[in-house]
N, C-alpha and C. Protein backbone atom coordinates (compact mmCIF):
# COMPACT_ATOMS: atom_id res chain seq x y z
N MET A 1 0.84 -1.18 0.00
CA MET A 1 0.00 0.00 0.00
C MET A 1 0.89 1.24 0.00
N ALA A 2 0.55 2.21 -0.84
CA ALA A 2 1.34 3.42 -0.96
C ALA A 2 1.13 4.31 0.27
N ALA A 3 2.18 5.00 0.64
CA ALA A 3 2.10 5.91 1.77
C ALA A 3 1.35 7.18 1.34
N ASP A 4 0.75 7.84 2.29
CA ASP A 4 0.09 9.11 2.01
C ASP A 4 1.11 10.24 2.02
N ILE A 5 0.77 11.30 1.29
CA ILE A 5 1.57 12.53 1.32
C ILE A 5 0.69 13.64 1.84
N SER A 6 1.30 14.67 2.40
CA SER A 6 0.58 15.82 2.95
C SER A 6 0.65 16.97 1.96
N LEU A 7 -0.50 17.59 1.72
CA LEU A 7 -0.62 18.72 0.81
C LEU A 7 -1.37 19.84 1.50
N THR A 8 -1.33 21.01 0.91
CA THR A 8 -2.23 22.09 1.30
C THR A 8 -3.07 22.40 0.08
N VAL A 9 -4.39 22.27 0.22
CA VAL A 9 -5.32 22.51 -0.89
C VAL A 9 -6.27 23.62 -0.46
N ASN A 10 -6.22 24.73 -1.19
CA ASN A 10 -7.06 25.89 -0.87
C ASN A 10 -6.93 26.29 0.59
N GLY A 11 -5.69 26.26 1.08
CA GLY A 11 -5.39 26.71 2.43
C GLY A 11 -5.65 25.68 3.53
N GLU A 12 -6.13 24.50 3.16
CA GLU A 12 -6.47 23.47 4.15
C GLU A 12 -5.54 22.27 4.00
N PRO A 13 -5.09 21.68 5.12
CA PRO A 13 -4.27 20.47 5.02
C PRO A 13 -5.08 19.31 4.46
N ARG A 14 -4.44 18.49 3.67
CA ARG A 14 -5.10 17.33 3.07
C ARG A 14 -4.06 16.26 2.83
N ARG A 15 -4.50 15.00 2.89
CA ARG A 15 -3.61 13.87 2.60
C ARG A 15 -4.15 13.14 1.39
N THR A 16 -3.26 12.61 0.57
CA THR A 16 -3.64 11.81 -0.58
C THR A 16 -2.58 10.74 -0.78
N ALA A 17 -2.88 9.78 -1.61
CA ALA A 17 -1.96 8.67 -1.84
C ALA A 17 -0.72 9.14 -2.60
N SER A 18 0.43 8.65 -2.18
CA SER A 18 1.67 8.91 -2.90
C SER A 18 1.50 8.38 -4.32
N GLY A 19 2.04 9.09 -5.30
CA GLY A 19 1.92 8.68 -6.69
C GLY A 19 0.70 9.24 -7.38
N SER A 20 -0.05 10.10 -6.70
CA SER A 20 -1.24 10.71 -7.29
C SER A 20 -0.84 11.89 -8.17
N SER A 21 -1.61 12.08 -9.24
CA SER A 21 -1.43 13.26 -10.09
C SER A 21 -2.41 14.34 -9.63
N ILE A 22 -2.25 15.54 -10.19
CA ILE A 22 -3.21 16.60 -9.88
C ILE A 22 -4.61 16.16 -10.30
N ALA A 23 -4.74 15.54 -11.48
CA ALA A 23 -6.05 15.07 -11.95
C ALA A 23 -6.65 14.06 -10.98
N ASP A 24 -5.83 13.18 -10.42
CA ASP A 24 -6.33 12.21 -9.43
C ASP A 24 -6.90 12.93 -8.21
N LEU A 25 -6.18 13.94 -7.74
CA LEU A 25 -6.62 14.70 -6.57
C LEU A 25 -7.92 15.44 -6.86
N VAL A 26 -7.99 16.07 -8.02
CA VAL A 26 -9.20 16.81 -8.39
C VAL A 26 -10.40 15.86 -8.41
N ALA A 27 -10.23 14.68 -9.00
CA ALA A 27 -11.31 13.68 -9.04
C ALA A 27 -11.66 13.20 -7.63
N GLU A 28 -10.64 13.02 -6.78
CA GLU A 28 -10.86 12.58 -5.40
C GLU A 28 -11.72 13.60 -4.64
N ILE A 29 -11.51 14.87 -4.94
CA ILE A 29 -12.29 15.93 -4.30
C ILE A 29 -13.71 15.95 -4.83
N GLY A 30 -13.93 15.35 -6.01
CA GLY A 30 -15.27 15.29 -6.58
C GLY A 30 -15.51 16.33 -7.66
N LEU A 31 -14.42 16.88 -8.21
CA LEU A 31 -14.54 17.89 -9.26
C LEU A 31 -14.16 17.30 -10.61
N ASP A 32 -14.64 17.93 -11.66
CA ASP A 32 -14.33 17.53 -13.03
C ASP A 32 -13.03 18.22 -13.45
N PRO A 33 -11.97 17.46 -13.74
CA PRO A 33 -10.69 18.09 -14.12
C PRO A 33 -10.80 19.00 -15.34
N ARG A 34 -11.83 18.83 -16.15
CA ARG A 34 -12.01 19.70 -17.33
C ARG A 34 -12.59 21.06 -16.95
N LYS A 35 -13.06 21.20 -15.70
CA LYS A 35 -13.72 22.44 -15.28
C LYS A 35 -13.04 23.10 -14.08
N VAL A 36 -11.73 22.93 -13.99
CA VAL A 36 -11.00 23.55 -12.89
C VAL A 36 -9.79 24.31 -13.42
N ALA A 37 -9.34 25.26 -12.63
CA ALA A 37 -8.05 25.90 -12.83
C ALA A 37 -7.23 25.56 -11.59
N VAL A 38 -5.97 25.20 -11.79
CA VAL A 38 -5.15 24.75 -10.67
C VAL A 38 -3.84 25.54 -10.65
N GLU A 39 -3.54 26.08 -9.47
CA GLU A 39 -2.22 26.66 -9.22
C GLU A 39 -1.47 25.65 -8.37
N HIS A 40 -0.30 25.23 -8.84
CA HIS A 40 0.51 24.20 -8.18
C HIS A 40 1.83 24.83 -7.78
N ASN A 41 2.04 24.98 -6.49
CA ASN A 41 3.27 25.58 -5.95
C ASN A 41 3.55 26.94 -6.58
N GLY A 42 2.48 27.75 -6.70
CA GLY A 42 2.64 29.13 -7.17
C GLY A 42 2.61 29.32 -8.67
N GLU A 43 2.45 28.25 -9.44
CA GLU A 43 2.41 28.36 -10.89
C GLU A 43 1.15 27.69 -11.43
N ILE A 44 0.55 28.33 -12.45
CA ILE A 44 -0.64 27.75 -13.07
C ILE A 44 -0.25 26.45 -13.78
N ALA A 45 -1.01 25.40 -13.50
CA ALA A 45 -0.80 24.11 -14.17
C ALA A 45 -1.76 24.04 -15.35
N PRO A 46 -1.25 23.97 -16.58
CA PRO A 46 -2.15 23.87 -17.72
C PRO A 46 -3.06 22.65 -17.59
N ARG A 47 -4.32 22.83 -17.92
CA ARG A 47 -5.31 21.75 -17.77
C ARG A 47 -4.86 20.49 -18.51
N SER A 48 -4.19 20.66 -19.66
CA SER A 48 -3.76 19.51 -20.46
C SER A 48 -2.69 18.67 -19.76
N THR A 49 -2.08 19.21 -18.69
CA THR A 49 -1.00 18.49 -18.01
C THR A 49 -1.41 17.93 -16.65
N LEU A 50 -2.66 18.13 -16.23
CA LEU A 50 -3.06 17.74 -14.87
C LEU A 50 -2.87 16.25 -14.60
N GLY A 51 -3.02 15.42 -15.61
CA GLY A 51 -2.82 13.98 -15.42
C GLY A 51 -1.35 13.58 -15.41
N ASP A 52 -0.48 14.48 -15.85
CA ASP A 52 0.95 14.18 -15.94
C ASP A 52 1.75 14.70 -14.75
N VAL A 53 1.22 15.70 -14.05
CA VAL A 53 1.96 16.32 -12.94
C VAL A 53 1.71 15.52 -11.67
N MET A 54 2.76 14.88 -11.17
CA MET A 54 2.65 14.07 -9.97
C MET A 54 2.83 14.96 -8.73
N LEU A 55 2.06 14.66 -7.70
CA LEU A 55 2.11 15.43 -6.47
C LEU A 55 3.23 14.92 -5.56
N SER A 56 3.79 15.84 -4.79
CA SER A 56 4.85 15.51 -3.83
C SER A 56 4.45 16.01 -2.46
N ASP A 57 5.03 15.40 -1.44
CA ASP A 57 4.78 15.81 -0.07
C ASP A 57 5.11 17.30 0.08
N GLY A 58 4.18 18.05 0.67
CA GLY A 58 4.40 19.47 0.92
C GLY A 58 3.90 20.39 -0.19
N ASP A 59 3.39 19.84 -1.29
CA ASP A 59 2.88 20.68 -2.37
C ASP A 59 1.73 21.55 -1.88
N VAL A 60 1.61 22.72 -2.51
CA VAL A 60 0.54 23.67 -2.20
C VAL A 60 -0.26 23.89 -3.48
N LEU A 61 -1.58 23.66 -3.40
CA LEU A 61 -2.45 23.83 -4.56
C LEU A 61 -3.61 24.75 -4.23
N GLU A 62 -3.98 25.53 -5.22
CA GLU A 62 -5.22 26.30 -5.18
C GLU A 62 -6.05 25.79 -6.34
N ILE A 63 -7.26 25.36 -6.07
CA ILE A 63 -8.13 24.79 -7.10
C ILE A 63 -9.40 25.62 -7.17
N VAL A 64 -9.70 26.12 -8.37
CA VAL A 64 -10.91 26.90 -8.62
C VAL A 64 -11.79 26.10 -9.55
N HIS A 65 -13.04 25.92 -9.18
CA HIS A 65 -14.00 25.13 -9.97
C HIS A 65 -14.95 26.09 -10.67
N PHE A 66 -15.09 25.93 -11.96
CA PHE A 66 -15.99 26.77 -12.74
C PHE A 66 -17.39 26.19 -12.69
N VAL A 67 -18.36 27.06 -12.42
CA VAL A 67 -19.75 26.64 -12.34
C VAL A 67 -20.53 27.42 -13.38
N GLY A 68 -21.28 26.69 -14.21
CA GLY A 68 -22.09 27.35 -15.22
C GLY A 68 -23.45 27.74 -14.67
N GLY A 69 -24.13 28.54 -15.39
CA GLY A 69 -25.47 28.93 -14.96
C GLY A 69 -25.78 30.33 -15.43
N GLY A 70 -26.97 30.75 -15.15
CA GLY A 70 -27.34 32.06 -15.64
C GLY A 70 -28.11 32.86 -14.67
């Protein structure tokens, strides 16, 4: 079993499985990776790379979810 890593997501501490990508974390939170903007350690992560960027212990993420409506 993979060890957990500690992250900060939107200012709150969170743990996730080691070896997770940003897309994995977004899905774990219950959001659609196609409808989010993610800042990873102070830099915008292009949506096309969310499945490729692996998370590390101590990473800091800000995740914004876009909501449609009128």
